């Protein structure tokens, strides 16, 4: 039975908590209670603070997480100095810049494009696939045709810098993925908005000088990115072939569904991947960024050198991820 004294105590407690933003730190943290994580938040692979800033601009105006991750992903897509995403991305071994991207909303709907050429913003095309077609994925010429029908402009994405790198590569034509090259790669970006809606996006130009037609994990739902509004979301960067074989991001989310924190879920998944493919993982990197619906985050990689950008509590910061190997 609720007594008058208990009722008044509960009312005052709620009033203090609502009126004083430092209430939790002053009263409960000293008693062993952690301050609740604040919303919104956005996290991205690598030092993509320009992307998290663009996403935060949407989130801080009470915008939708889906709009935020699209806005964030478009930043590196349009950056000619980013050689692993969009405009400026290094070409395949035949000199063609081919792009992959996927996006997923709070309802579990998803869109994806693979092997798309001459369109600067594949993430926005992927969203159109999700929202305007009965399909999840469009590929190659079909994806290009759809993009043009939706008003996207064709343009040359091969910059002079990327073309010069390709010409130099052709002298030996050696294809070997390099761990943490230039400390950037595919961008995976996740957001949770003020209405607890979760979304994720992933976009890339793929491995530099890859075989013509190669598609990695980035546009594959569950491999390069996965979001579930009941649990949380994960995105990754690294060697796509390993992630395609393991559906790594789906596995991270399922670990959270079983009760793991975002950090623990990422660690368990990396451990499982390395146990499954010990030889390949000696010279290959995989890194995850993870959030849950409570506003917690985590990150973990196979090797040192993976970092990530987090915008939460009004701070846009870069952190070094922990790793399995030291």
Protein backbone atom coordinates (compact mmCIF):
# COMPACT_ATOMS: atom_id res chain seq x y z
CA UNK A 1 0.00 0.00 0.00
CA UNK A 2 1.27 3.47 -0.87
CA UNK A 3 1.38 5.66 2.22
CA UNK A 4 1.09 9.44 2.14
CA UNK A 5 4.74 9.73 3.21
CA UNK A 6 5.90 7.32 0.48
CA UNK A 7 3.81 9.13 -2.14
CA UNK A 8 5.28 12.52 -1.19
CA UNK A 9 8.80 11.07 -1.25
CA UNK A 10 8.31 9.66 -4.72
CA UNK A 11 6.85 12.95 -5.95
CA UNK A 12 9.73 15.00 -4.58
CA UNK A 13 12.24 12.54 -6.02
CA UNK A 14 10.72 12.90 -9.46
CA UNK A 15 10.58 16.68 -9.18
CA UNK A 16 14.22 16.97 -8.17
CA UNK A 17 15.31 14.62 -10.94
CA UNK A 18 13.36 16.57 -13.54
CA UNK A 19 14.52 20.00 -12.40
CA UNK A 20 18.20 19.39 -11.68
CA UNK A 21 20.40 17.91 -14.41
CA UNK A 22 23.11 17.17 -11.85
CA UNK A 23 20.67 15.33 -9.61
CA UNK A 24 21.90 11.90 -10.59
CA UNK A 25 25.54 12.74 -10.05
CA UNK A 26 24.88 14.43 -6.70
CA UNK A 27 22.51 11.89 -5.25
CA UNK A 28 22.68 8.46 -6.84
CA UNK A 29 26.12 7.99 -8.32
CA UNK A 30 27.65 8.06 -4.89
CA UNK A 31 25.25 5.32 -3.88
CA UNK A 32 26.37 3.09 -6.75
CA UNK A 33 23.79 4.08 -9.38
CA UNK A 34 25.11 4.97 -12.85
CA UNK A 35 23.83 8.10 -14.51
CA UNK A 36 21.50 7.19 -17.39
CA UNK A 37 23.05 7.62 -20.84
CA UNK A 38 21.60 10.57 -22.68
CA UNK A 39 20.01 10.61 -26.09
CA UNK A 40 20.61 11.25 -28.87
CA UNK A 41 23.90 9.69 -29.90
CA UNK A 42 25.74 8.83 -33.09
CA UNK A 43 28.79 6.64 -33.59
CA UNK A 44 30.89 5.99 -36.69
CA UNK A 45 33.87 3.87 -37.65
CA UNK A 46 37.22 5.69 -37.81
CA UNK A 47 37.78 9.40 -37.23
CA UNK A 48 34.69 10.52 -39.09
CA UNK A 49 33.87 13.50 -36.89
CA UNK A 50 32.58 15.51 -39.84
CA UNK A 51 30.09 12.72 -40.45
CA UNK A 52 29.02 12.47 -36.81
CA UNK A 53 28.67 16.26 -36.75
CA UNK A 54 26.32 16.17 -39.73
CA UNK A 55 24.31 13.41 -38.08
CA UNK A 56 24.24 15.29 -34.77
CA UNK A 57 22.86 18.38 -36.50
CA UNK A 58 19.83 16.28 -37.42
CA UNK A 59 19.54 14.50 -34.07
CA UNK A 60 19.91 17.63 -31.93
CA UNK A 61 16.93 19.14 -33.73
CA UNK A 62 14.84 16.09 -32.68
CA UNK A 63 15.30 14.61 -36.14
CA UNK A 64 14.93 10.98 -37.12
CA UNK A 65 17.86 8.61 -36.74
CA UNK A 66 17.44 7.48 -40.34
CA UNK A 67 17.88 11.03 -41.63
CA UNK A 68 20.90 11.42 -39.36
CA UNK A 69 22.82 8.39 -40.61
CA UNK A 70 22.12 9.29 -44.22
CA UNK A 71 23.35 12.84 -43.64
CA UNK A 72 26.46 11.52 -41.92
CA UNK A 73 27.29 8.97 -44.61
CA UNK A 74 26.98 11.58 -47.36
CA UNK A 75 29.91 13.55 -45.92
CA UNK A 76 32.73 11.10 -46.79
CA UNK A 77 30.88 10.10 -49.98
CA UNK A 78 31.41 13.65 -51.28
CA UNK A 79 34.98 14.04 -49.99
CA UNK A 80 37.54 13.71 -52.83
CA UNK A 81 40.29 13.18 -50.25
CA UNK A 82 38.63 10.08 -48.80
CA UNK A 83 40.06 7.30 -50.93
CA UNK A 84 37.86 4.51 -49.52
CA UNK A 85 34.37 6.00 -49.87
CA UNK A 86 32.44 7.57 -52.75
CA UNK A 87 33.97 10.40 -54.80
CA UNK A 88 37.74 9.96 -54.66
CA UNK A 89 37.53 6.27 -53.81
CA UNK A 90 40.27 4.13 -55.29
CA UNK A 91 39.11 2.18 -58.37
CA UNK A 92 39.08 -1.53 -59.09
CA UNK A 93 41.97 -3.08 -61.01
CA UNK A 94 40.37 -2.01 -64.29
CA UNK A 95 40.16 1.63 -63.26
CA UNK A 96 36.44 1.82 -62.39
CA UNK A 97 35.14 3.33 -59.14
CA UNK A 98 32.33 1.06 -57.97
CA UNK A 99 30.32 1.84 -54.86
CA UNK A 100 28.34 -0.19 -52.32
CA UNK A 101 26.01 1.04 -49.57
CA UNK A 102 23.16 0.00 -47.32
CA UNK A 103 20.78 1.65 -44.88
CA UNK A 104 18.30 0.35 -42.29
CA UNK A 105 15.56 2.06 -40.29
CA UNK A 106 13.79 1.56 -36.96
CA UNK A 107 11.14 -0.66 -38.54
CA UNK A 108 13.68 -3.18 -39.81
CA UNK A 109 13.28 -2.03 -43.40
CA UNK A 110 16.45 -1.89 -45.47
CA UNK A 111 17.83 -0.79 -48.82
CA UNK A 112 21.09 -1.54 -50.57
CA UNK A 113 23.02 -0.92 -53.77
CA UNK A 114 26.07 -2.79 -55.05
CA UNK A 115 28.52 -2.26 -57.89
CA UNK A 116 27.06 1.19 -58.56
CA UNK A 117 29.07 3.50 -60.83
CA UNK A 118 29.00 7.25 -61.52
CA UNK A 119 26.68 8.22 -58.65
CA UNK A 120 28.25 10.18 -55.81
CA UNK A 121 25.78 9.28 -53.05
CA UNK A 122 25.00 5.55 -53.06
CA UNK A 123 23.63 5.82 -49.51
CA UNK A 124 20.79 8.01 -50.75
CA UNK A 125 20.11 5.63 -53.62
CA UNK A 126 19.97 2.77 -51.09
CA UNK A 127 17.37 4.70 -49.12
CA UNK A 128 15.30 5.19 -52.26
CA UNK A 129 15.49 1.43 -52.89
CA UNK A 130 14.16 0.87 -49.36
CA UNK A 131 11.37 3.42 -49.57
CA UNK A 132 10.28 3.28 -53.22
CA UNK A 133 10.71 -0.32 -54.37
CA UNK A 134 9.54 -3.74 -53.15
CA UNK A 135 13.19 -4.85 -53.09
CA UNK A 136 16.11 -4.64 -50.69
CA UNK A 137 19.02 -4.62 -53.14
CA UNK A 138 19.73 -3.33 -56.63
CA UNK A 139 22.99 -4.02 -58.43
CA UNK A 140 25.12 -2.63 -61.24
CA UNK A 141 23.35 -1.32 -64.32
CA UNK A 142 19.95 -1.81 -62.70
CA UNK A 143 20.98 0.25 -59.69
CA UNK A 144 22.33 2.98 -61.98
CA UNK A 145 19.15 3.02 -64.06
CA UNK A 146 17.04 3.32 -60.90
CA UNK A 147 19.25 6.11 -59.55
CA UNK A 148 18.92 8.14 -62.74
CA UNK A 149 15.14 7.62 -62.75
CA UNK A 150 15.12 9.04 -59.22
CA UNK A 151 16.97 12.15 -60.33
CA UNK A 152 20.53 11.32 -59.34
CA UNK A 153 23.15 12.84 -61.63
CA UNK A 154 25.85 10.76 -63.33
CA UNK A 155 29.37 12.07 -62.84
CA UNK A 156 32.95 10.92 -63.03
CA UNK A 157 34.10 9.78 -59.58
CA UNK A 158 37.71 8.96 -60.47
CA UNK A 159 39.82 11.83 -59.14
CA UNK A 160 43.33 12.61 -60.34
CA UNK A 161 44.73 11.37 -57.03
CA UNK A 162 42.92 8.04 -57.29
CA UNK A 163 43.85 7.64 -60.95
CA UNK A 164 47.52 8.30 -60.17
CA UNK A 165 47.46 5.70 -57.37
CA UNK A 166 45.91 3.18 -59.76
CA UNK A 167 48.53 3.86 -62.44
CA UNK A 168 51.29 3.26 -59.88
CA UNK A 169 49.59 0.09 -58.63
CA UNK A 170 49.49 -1.33 -62.16
CA UNK A 171 53.29 -1.39 -62.29
CA UNK A 172 53.27 -4.48 -60.05
CA UNK A 173 49.54 -5.25 -59.87
CA UNK A 174 49.85 -6.76 -56.39
CA UNK A 175 46.60 -7.09 -54.49
CA UNK A 176 47.05 -7.31 -50.75
CA UNK A 177 44.72 -5.79 -48.14
CA UNK A 178 46.63 -3.69 -45.62
CA UNK A 179 45.55 -3.42 -41.97
CA UNK A 180 44.40 0.06 -40.90
CA UNK A 181 45.76 1.68 -44.06
CA UNK A 182 45.72 5.45 -43.48
CA UNK A 183 43.46 4.73 -40.47
CA UNK A 184 40.27 4.98 -42.45
CA UNK A 185 38.15 2.68 -44.53
CA UNK A 186 34.47 2.01 -45.04
CA UNK A 187 32.27 4.24 -42.90
CA UNK A 188 29.63 2.51 -40.81
CA UNK A 189 27.43 4.92 -38.86
CA UNK A 190 24.73 4.28 -36.24
CA UNK A 191 22.32 6.63 -34.49
CA UNK A 192 19.72 6.62 -31.74
CA UNK A 193 17.43 9.64 -31.65
CA UNK A 194 15.47 11.34 -28.89
CA UNK A 195 12.43 9.19 -29.63
CA UNK A 196 14.48 6.00 -29.24
CA UNK A 197 14.47 5.27 -32.96
CA UNK A 198 17.57 3.46 -34.16
CA UNK A 199 19.11 3.39 -37.64
CA UNK A 200 22.32 2.47 -39.40
CA UNK A 201 24.15 3.06 -42.65
CA UNK A 202 27.30 1.83 -44.35
CA UNK A 203 28.98 3.07 -47.51
CA UNK A 204 32.24 2.30 -49.31
CA UNK A 205 34.15 2.14 -52.57
CA UNK A 206 35.43 -1.25 -51.47
CA UNK A 207 38.92 -2.62 -51.48
CA UNK A 208 41.34 -0.61 -53.60
CA UNK A 209 42.23 -2.33 -56.89
CA UNK A 210 39.81 -5.21 -56.25
CA UNK A 211 38.76 -7.59 -59.00
CA UNK A 212 36.11 -6.17 -61.30
CA UNK A 213 32.71 -7.03 -59.85
CA UNK A 214 33.89 -7.71 -56.29
CA UNK A 215 31.36 -6.81 -53.58
CA UNK A 216 32.28 -6.84 -49.91
CA UNK A 217 30.30 -6.82 -46.70
CA UNK A 218 29.25 -3.17 -46.68
CA UNK A 219 25.99 -3.41 -48.65
CA UNK A 220 24.97 -6.74 -47.15
CA UNK A 221 22.39 -6.46 -44.37
CA UNK A 222 23.76 -8.31 -41.35
CA UNK A 223 27.35 -8.31 -42.59
CA UNK A 224 28.40 -4.67 -42.88
CA UNK A 225 25.61 -3.25 -40.73
CA UNK A 226 22.51 -4.37 -38.86
CA UNK A 227 19.93 -2.51 -36.77
CA UNK A 228 17.10 -3.81 -34.60
CA UNK A 229 14.99 -1.31 -32.67
CA UNK A 230 14.29 -3.88 -29.95
CA UNK A 231 17.97 -4.41 -29.19
CA UNK A 232 20.55 -2.17 -30.85
CA UNK A 233 22.76 -1.86 -33.89
CA UNK A 234 26.24 -2.68 -35.14
CA UNK A 235 28.43 -1.53 -38.02
CA UNK A 236 31.91 -2.55 -39.01
CA UNK A 237 34.99 -1.88 -41.06
CA UNK A 238 37.69 -4.24 -42.24
CA UNK A 239 38.17 -7.18 -44.57
CA UNK A 240 34.75 -7.77 -46.07
CA UNK A 241 35.32 -11.39 -47.00
CA UNK A 242 35.60 -12.36 -43.33
CA UNK A 243 32.47 -10.43 -42.44
CA UNK A 244 30.54 -11.94 -45.32
CA UNK A 245 31.36 -15.42 -44.06
CA UNK A 246 30.24 -14.64 -40.52
CA UNK A 247 27.45 -12.04 -40.84
CA UNK A 248 29.35 -10.25 -38.11
CA UNK A 249 27.02 -7.32 -37.42
CA UNK A 250 23.98 -9.56 -37.14
CA UNK A 251 25.91 -11.72 -34.71
CA UNK A 252 26.81 -8.70 -32.56
CA UNK A 253 23.16 -7.68 -32.30
CA UNK A 254 22.12 -11.23 -31.45
CA UNK A 255 24.71 -11.31 -28.66
CA UNK A 256 23.05 -8.20 -27.25
CA UNK A 257 19.66 -9.87 -27.60
CA UNK A 258 21.01 -12.64 -25.39
CA UNK A 259 21.92 -10.08 -22.74
CA UNK A 260 25.44 -8.90 -23.57
CA UNK A 261 26.34 -5.22 -23.34
CA UNK A 262 27.44 -3.50 -26.58
CA UNK A 263 31.09 -3.82 -25.58
CA UNK A 264 30.80 -7.47 -24.58
CA UNK A 265 28.82 -8.31 -27.71
CA UNK A 266 31.57 -6.86 -29.90
CA UNK A 267 34.24 -8.77 -27.97
CA UNK A 268 32.39 -12.07 -28.18
CA UNK A 269 31.91 -11.66 -31.91
CA UNK A 270 35.57 -10.84 -32.59
CA UNK A 271 36.63 -13.84 -30.50
CA UNK A 272 34.30 -16.08 -32.47
CA UNK A 273 35.53 -14.76 -35.83
CA UNK A 274 39.19 -15.25 -34.91
CA UNK A 275 38.50 -18.75 -33.60
CA UNK A 276 36.77 -19.61 -36.88
CA UNK A 277 39.41 -18.06 -39.16
CA UNK A 278 42.68 -17.91 -37.19
CA UNK A 279 44.99 -17.91 -40.20
CA UNK A 280 43.15 -15.20 -42.15
CA UNK A 281 42.80 -13.00 -39.07
CA UNK A 282 46.53 -12.83 -38.46
CA UNK A 283 46.85 -10.31 -41.30
CA UNK A 284 43.32 -8.94 -41.51
CA UNK A 285 41.48 -6.30 -39.54
CA UNK A 286 37.84 -6.25 -38.46
CA UNK A 287 36.45 -3.58 -36.16
CA UNK A 288 32.92 -3.11 -34.81
CA UNK A 289 31.06 -0.11 -33.42
CA UNK A 290 27.93 -0.95 -31.45
CA UNK A 291 25.06 0.83 -29.69
CA UNK A 292 22.05 -0.45 -27.79
CA UNK A 293 18.61 1.03 -27.19
CA UNK A 294 19.68 2.19 -23.72
CA UNK A 295 22.22 4.58 -25.22
CA UNK A 296 25.29 2.53 -24.36
CA UNK A 297 28.05 1.94 -26.89
CA UNK A 298 31.01 -0.34 -27.48
CA UNK A 299 33.82 -0.97 -29.96
CA UNK A 300 36.31 -3.77 -30.49
CA UNK A 301 38.70 -4.98 -33.19
CA UNK A 302 41.01 -7.86 -34.02
CA UNK A 303 44.18 -5.76 -34.13
CA UNK A 304 45.17 -2.42 -32.56
CA UNK A 305 44.73 0.73 -34.62
CA UNK A 306 40.96 0.84 -35.06
CA UNK A 307 39.30 4.01 -33.80
CA UNK A 308 35.83 5.52 -33.87
CA UNK A 309 33.95 8.80 -33.52
CA UNK A 310 31.21 9.22 -30.91
CA UNK A 311 28.92 12.23 -30.54
CA UNK A 312 27.00 12.09 -27.25
CA UNK A 313 26.31 14.51 -24.40
CA UNK A 314 27.23 17.39 -26.70
CA UNK A 315 30.78 16.11 -27.32
CA UNK A 316 32.15 14.94 -30.66
CA UNK A 317 35.14 12.77 -29.76
CA UNK A 318 37.44 10.10 -31.20
CA UNK A 319 38.35 7.03 -29.18
CA UNK A 320 40.80 4.19 -29.68
CA UNK A 321 39.12 0.82 -29.73
CA UNK A 322 40.32 -2.06 -27.59
CA UNK A 323 41.50 -5.09 -29.54
CA UNK A 324 41.90 -8.84 -29.16
CA UNK A 325 45.56 -8.83 -30.23
CA UNK A 326 47.88 -6.32 -28.61
